[in-house]
Amino acid sequence: MKNKMKHTIELITLMHDTLTDVIKFLDDNKYSNTKIREKVDMVLNHSKLANKAEREIEIVQVKNCLNDLDKKRKKEDTVHKQLFGV
């Protein structure tokens, strides 16, 4: 099974990387103590919603992996039955 959330994961990764770059820019340009820096930091590092979203993606990835393994096992079982009649 192909990852059904491939594009979603790519988008979230891009957004995370962009926010990380914004934090670095703000810090490098002496904007460490600004409201916008606080907001970006909150979204990037301390948001319960972001943490929940990451967990949801991890769960989907694990489920996809388990589904792939299950399909592989079923295919191997079919081959085994064809070869050995068991």
Protein backbone atom coordinates (compact mmCIF):
# COMPACT_ATOMS: atom_id res chain seq x y z
CA MET A 1 0.00 0.00 0.00
CA LYS A 2 1.38 3.35 -0.98
CA ASN A 3 1.36 6.04 1.65
CA LYS A 4 -2.01 7.73 1.30
CA MET A 5 -0.73 10.79 3.13
CA LYS A 6 2.46 11.32 1.11
CA HIS A 7 1.57 14.84 -0.02
CA THR A 8 0.23 15.83 3.39
CA ILE A 9 3.46 14.68 5.03
CA GLU A 10 5.53 16.53 2.42
CA LEU A 11 3.53 19.72 3.03
CA ILE A 12 3.84 19.51 6.80
CA THR A 13 7.57 18.82 6.49
CA LEU A 14 7.97 21.85 4.22
CA MET A 15 5.99 24.02 6.64
CA HIS A 16 8.10 22.80 9.57
CA ASP A 17 11.33 23.51 7.70
CA THR A 18 10.08 26.96 6.72
CA LEU A 19 9.15 27.84 10.30
CA THR A 20 12.56 26.61 11.43
CA ASP A 21 14.18 28.95 8.88
CA VAL A 22 12.00 31.83 10.13
CA ILE A 23 13.14 31.19 13.72
CA LYS A 24 16.79 31.20 12.60
CA PHE A 25 16.27 34.39 10.60
CA LEU A 26 14.60 36.16 13.50
CA ASP A 27 17.32 35.07 15.93
CA ASP A 28 20.14 35.99 13.54
CA ASN A 29 18.66 39.45 12.98
CA LYS A 30 18.12 40.36 16.62
CA TYR A 31 14.37 39.68 16.67
CA SER A 32 14.53 37.01 19.35
CA ASN A 33 12.28 38.83 21.78
CA THR A 34 9.36 39.67 19.53
CA LYS A 35 5.74 38.54 19.51
CA ILE A 36 6.09 37.02 16.05
CA ARG A 37 9.09 34.98 17.26
CA GLU A 38 7.00 33.73 20.17
CA LYS A 39 4.14 32.77 17.84
CA VAL A 40 6.38 30.92 15.42
CA ASP A 41 8.11 29.14 18.30
CA MET A 42 4.75 28.15 19.78
CA VAL A 43 3.52 26.66 16.51
CA LEU A 44 6.83 24.96 15.80
CA ASN A 45 7.79 23.61 19.20
CA HIS A 46 5.06 23.86 21.80
CA SER A 47 1.75 23.37 20.10
CA LYS A 48 -0.40 20.51 21.34
CA LEU A 49 -2.08 20.51 17.94
CA ALA A 50 1.26 20.08 16.17
CA ASN A 51 2.17 17.23 18.51
CA LYS A 52 -1.17 15.52 17.90
CA ALA A 53 -0.77 15.93 14.14
CA GLU A 54 2.69 14.38 14.26
CA ARG A 55 1.33 11.44 16.25
CA GLU A 56 -1.53 10.97 13.78
CA ILE A 57 0.92 10.87 10.88
CA GLU A 58 3.11 8.37 12.72
CA ILE A 59 0.08 6.16 13.39
CA VAL A 60 -0.92 6.23 9.71
CA GLN A 61 2.65 5.38 8.70
CA VAL A 62 2.75 2.44 11.10
CA LYS A 63 -0.65 1.21 9.87
CA ASN A 64 0.54 1.46 6.27
CA CYS A 65 3.64 -0.51 7.13
CA LEU A 66 1.60 -3.20 8.91
CA ASN A 67 -0.79 -3.42 5.96
CA ASP A 68 2.16 -3.85 3.59
CA LEU A 69 3.60 -6.59 5.78
CA ASP A 70 0.22 -8.33 5.97
CA LYS A 71 -0.15 -8.26 2.17
CA LYS A 72 3.37 -9.65 1.79
CA ARG A 73 2.64 -12.43 4.28
CA LYS A 74 -0.61 -13.34 2.48
CA LYS A 75 1.23 -13.44 -0.84
CA GLU A 76 3.92 -15.68 0.67
CA ASP A 77 1.20 -17.94 2.11
CA THR A 78 -0.37 -18.24 -1.34
CA VAL A 79 2.97 -19.14 -2.92
CA HIS A 80 3.64 -21.65 -0.15
CA LYS A 81 0.25 -23.32 -0.74
CA GLN A 82 0.90 -23.48 -4.46
CA LEU A 83 4.32 -25.03 -3.97
CA PHE A 84 3.54 -27.41 -1.16
CA GLY A 85 -0.21 -27.85 -1.34
CA VAL A 86 -0.54 -26.99 2.33
